[in-house]
Amino acid sequence: MDTLPCKGCRGLCCGPVPITGKELTRIKRKVKNMPKKLRSNLENQTRLLGTCIFYDLDNDKCGIHDVRPEICRMFGYYEQLACFRKPELATKPLPAIIEDPVGILSVDFTWDYF
């Protein structure tokens, strides 16, 4: 992620985020083990409609970075997932879908779910 200019984007590229069942399980575990103060801070931030509920606006970074969904890991480096600030990095072809998504963060899965 060091090659992408994410600082200052304020999570505008982060959403909507489709997630698989395996990703949902990892995210649930991460949120369950989050310190209450951190979770509360993250949960109570006001975001634009459709942006990921886990984007930490206060710190301008992903609040679940180590368990972020595969689509987030691919963003900026794969065709059709280009960063508008550095589109030249998006050179890899999208892989075949291995697992269908079970829903979308911020739409199907909100803080009430976690």
C-alpha atoms as a PDB file:
ATOM      1  CA  MET A   1       0.000   0.000   0.000  1.00  0.00           C
ATOM      2  CA  ASP A   2       2.997   2.305   0.282  1.00  0.00           C
ATOM      3  CA  THR A   3       2.899   3.007  -3.454  1.00  0.00           C
ATOM      4  CA  LEU A   4      -0.678   4.343  -3.348  1.00  0.00           C
ATOM      5  CA  PRO A   5      -1.350   7.933  -2.245  1.00  0.00           C
ATOM      6  CA  CYS A   6      -4.034   6.964   0.278  1.00  0.00           C
ATOM      7  CA  LYS A   7      -3.268   9.656   2.837  1.00  0.00           C
ATOM      8  CA  GLY A   8      -5.753  12.471   2.443  1.00  0.00           C
ATOM      9  CA  CYS A   9      -8.351  10.468   0.532  1.00  0.00           C
ATOM     10  CA  ARG A  10     -10.481  10.155   3.687  1.00  0.00           C
ATOM     11  CA  GLY A  11     -11.834   6.756   2.646  1.00  0.00           C
ATOM     12  CA  LEU A  12     -13.670   7.952  -0.443  1.00  0.00           C
ATOM     13  CA  CYS A  13     -12.365   4.969  -2.425  1.00  0.00           C
ATOM     14  CA  CYS A  14     -13.353   2.575   0.357  1.00  0.00           C
ATOM     15  CA  GLY A  15     -16.811   1.491  -0.556  1.00  0.00           C
ATOM     16  CA  PRO A  16     -19.016  -0.205  -1.264  1.00  0.00           C
ATOM     17  CA  VAL A  17     -17.042  -3.230  -0.050  1.00  0.00           C
ATOM     18  CA  PRO A  18     -18.316  -6.727  -0.942  1.00  0.00           C
ATOM     19  CA  ILE A  19     -17.115  -9.394   1.493  1.00  0.00           C
ATOM     20  CA  THR A  20     -17.053 -13.183   1.529  1.00  0.00           C
ATOM     21  CA  GLY A  21     -18.127 -15.437   4.375  1.00  0.00           C
ATOM     22  CA  LYS A  22     -14.502 -16.100   5.375  1.00  0.00           C
ATOM     23  CA  GLU A  23     -13.745 -12.376   5.415  1.00  0.00           C
ATOM     24  CA  LEU A  24     -16.840 -11.700   7.497  1.00  0.00           C
ATOM     25  CA  THR A  25     -15.702 -14.260  10.078  1.00  0.00           C
ATOM     26  CA  ARG A  26     -12.236 -12.665  10.327  1.00  0.00           C
ATOM     27  CA  ILE A  27     -13.713  -9.172  10.598  1.00  0.00           C
ATOM     28  CA  LYS A  28     -16.168 -10.259  13.314  1.00  0.00           C
ATOM     29  CA  ARG A  29     -13.299 -11.742  15.320  1.00  0.00           C
ATOM     30  CA  LYS A  30     -11.241  -8.570  14.898  1.00  0.00           C
ATOM     31  CA  VAL A  31     -14.114  -6.313  15.993  1.00  0.00           C
ATOM     32  CA  LYS A  32     -14.940  -8.558  18.968  1.00  0.00           C
ATOM     33  CA  ASN A  33     -11.340  -8.286  20.192  1.00  0.00           C
ATOM     34  CA  MET A  34     -11.061  -4.541  19.589  1.00  0.00           C
ATOM     35  CA  PRO A  35     -10.580  -2.387  22.691  1.00  0.00           C
ATOM     36  CA  LYS A  36     -13.949  -0.804  23.574  1.00  0.00           C
ATOM     37  CA  LYS A  37     -12.630   2.741  23.259  1.00  0.00           C
ATOM     38  CA  LEU A  38     -11.219   2.086  19.777  1.00  0.00           C
ATOM     39  CA  ARG A  39     -14.411   0.374  18.633  1.00  0.00           C
ATOM     40  CA  SER A  40     -16.583   3.169  20.009  1.00  0.00           C
ATOM     41  CA  ASN A  41     -14.449   5.816  18.328  1.00  0.00           C
ATOM     42  CA  LEU A  42     -14.555   3.988  14.999  1.00  0.00           C
ATOM     43  CA  GLU A  43     -18.272   3.229  15.256  1.00  0.00           C
ATOM     44  CA  ASN A  44     -19.292   6.799  16.048  1.00  0.00           C
ATOM     45  CA  GLN A  45     -17.488   8.529  13.199  1.00  0.00           C
ATOM     46  CA  THR A  46     -19.726  10.194  10.604  1.00  0.00           C
ATOM     47  CA  ARG A  47     -19.028   8.820   7.134  1.00  0.00           C
ATOM     48  CA  LEU A  48     -20.373   9.490   3.682  1.00  0.00           C
ATOM     49  CA  LEU A  49     -23.106   7.085   2.592  1.00  0.00           C
ATOM     50  CA  GLY A  50     -21.642   3.910   1.085  1.00  0.00           C
ATOM     51  CA  THR A  51     -18.122   4.299   2.455  1.00  0.00           C
ATOM     52  CA  CYS A  52     -16.777   1.467   4.550  1.00  0.00           C
ATOM     53  CA  ILE A  53     -17.834   1.481   8.203  1.00  0.00           C
ATOM     54  CA  PHE A  54     -14.314   0.487   9.202  1.00  0.00           C
ATOM     55  CA  TYR A  55     -12.504   3.406   7.611  1.00  0.00           C
ATOM     56  CA  ASP A  56     -11.021   5.454  10.449  1.00  0.00           C
ATOM     57  CA  LEU A  57     -11.579   9.067   9.419  1.00  0.00           C
ATOM     58  CA  ASP A  58      -9.833  10.431  12.508  1.00  0.00           C
ATOM     59  CA  ASN A  59      -6.587   8.669  11.595  1.00  0.00           C
ATOM     60  CA  ASP A  60      -7.138   8.526   7.805  1.00  0.00           C
ATOM     61  CA  LYS A  61      -6.583   4.766   7.563  1.00  0.00           C
ATOM     62  CA  CYS A  62      -8.338   1.416   7.566  1.00  0.00           C
ATOM     63  CA  GLY A  63      -9.493   0.453  11.054  1.00  0.00           C
ATOM     64  CA  ILE A  64      -9.246  -3.279  10.275  1.00  0.00           C
ATOM     65  CA  HIS A  65      -6.221  -3.185   7.964  1.00  0.00           C
ATOM     66  CA  ASP A  66      -4.774  -6.571   8.945  1.00  0.00           C
ATOM     67  CA  VAL A  67      -8.088  -8.350   8.162  1.00  0.00           C
ATOM     68  CA  ARG A  68      -9.315  -6.098   5.341  1.00  0.00           C
ATOM     69  CA  PRO A  69     -11.204  -7.853   2.532  1.00  0.00           C
ATOM     70  CA  GLU A  70      -9.413  -9.101  -0.567  1.00  0.00           C
ATOM     71  CA  ILE A  71     -11.052  -6.433  -2.729  1.00  0.00           C
ATOM     72  CA  CYS A  72      -9.366  -3.805  -0.551  1.00  0.00           C
ATOM     73  CA  ARG A  73      -5.999  -5.559  -0.902  1.00  0.00           C
ATOM     74  CA  MET A  74      -6.418  -5.554  -4.683  1.00  0.00           C
ATOM     75  CA  PHE A  75      -7.493  -1.932  -4.984  1.00  0.00           C
ATOM     76  CA  GLY A  76      -5.079   0.225  -6.929  1.00  0.00           C
ATOM     77  CA  TYR A  77      -3.123  -2.650  -8.451  1.00  0.00           C
ATOM     78  CA  TYR A  78      -5.719  -4.462 -10.560  1.00  0.00           C
ATOM     79  CA  GLU A  79      -7.516  -3.399 -13.722  1.00  0.00           C
ATOM     80  CA  GLN A  80     -10.974  -1.986 -12.974  1.00  0.00           C
ATOM     81  CA  LEU A  81      -9.843  -1.191  -9.400  1.00  0.00           C
ATOM     82  CA  ALA A  82      -7.624   1.773 -10.246  1.00  0.00           C
ATOM     83  CA  CYS A  83      -6.761   4.569  -7.850  1.00  0.00           C
ATOM     84  CA  PHE A  84      -7.742   7.852  -9.470  1.00  0.00           C
ATOM     85  CA  ARG A  85      -4.511   9.451  -8.247  1.00  0.00           C
ATOM     86  CA  LYS A  86      -2.223   6.708  -9.602  1.00  0.00           C
ATOM     87  CA  PRO A  87      -4.132   4.779 -12.282  1.00  0.00           C
ATOM     88  CA  GLU A  88      -0.878   3.636 -13.881  1.00  0.00           C
ATOM     89  CA  LEU A  89      -0.374   1.126 -11.029  1.00  0.00           C
ATOM     90  CA  ALA A  90      -3.516  -0.846 -11.962  1.00  0.00           C
ATOM     91  CA  THR A  91      -1.907  -3.276 -14.371  1.00  0.00           C
ATOM     92  CA  LYS A  92      -2.859  -6.745 -13.105  1.00  0.00           C
ATOM     93  CA  PRO A  93      -5.852  -8.516 -14.634  1.00  0.00           C
ATOM     94  CA  LEU A  94      -8.663  -9.305 -12.196  1.00  0.00           C
ATOM     95  CA  PRO A  95      -8.549 -12.930 -11.033  1.00  0.00           C
ATOM     96  CA  ALA A  96     -11.520 -15.245 -11.306  1.00  0.00           C
ATOM     97  CA  ILE A  97     -13.908 -15.010  -8.372  1.00  0.00           C
ATOM     98  CA  ILE A  98     -13.107 -17.775  -5.918  1.00  0.00           C
ATOM     99  CA  GLU A  99     -15.930 -17.175  -3.435  1.00  0.00           C
ATOM    100  CA  ASP A 100     -19.132 -15.209  -3.931  1.00  0.00           C
ATOM    101  CA  PRO A 101     -19.741 -12.288  -1.592  1.00  0.00           C
ATOM    102  CA  VAL A 102     -22.254 -12.720   1.240  1.00  0.00           C
ATOM    103  CA  GLY A 103     -22.967  -9.006   1.451  1.00  0.00           C
ATOM    104  CA  ILE A 104     -21.615  -5.481   1.448  1.00  0.00           C
ATOM    105  CA  LEU A 105     -20.061  -3.623   4.352  1.00  0.00           C
ATOM    106  CA  SER A 106     -22.101  -0.516   5.238  1.00  0.00           C
ATOM    107  CA  VAL A 107     -25.182  -1.889   3.461  1.00  0.00           C
ATOM    108  CA  ASP A 108     -25.762  -5.503   4.520  1.00  0.00           C
ATOM    109  CA  PHE A 109     -23.354  -5.410   7.452  1.00  0.00           C
ATOM    110  CA  THR A 110     -23.449  -2.290   9.620  1.00  0.00           C
ATOM    111  CA  TRP A 111     -22.187  -1.661  13.153  1.00  0.00           C
ATOM    112  CA  ASP A 112     -25.431  -3.134  14.497  1.00  0.00           C
ATOM    113  CA  TYR A 113     -24.360  -6.493  13.043  1.00  0.00           C
ATOM    114  CA  PHE A 114     -20.998  -6.440  14.794  1.00  0.00           C
END
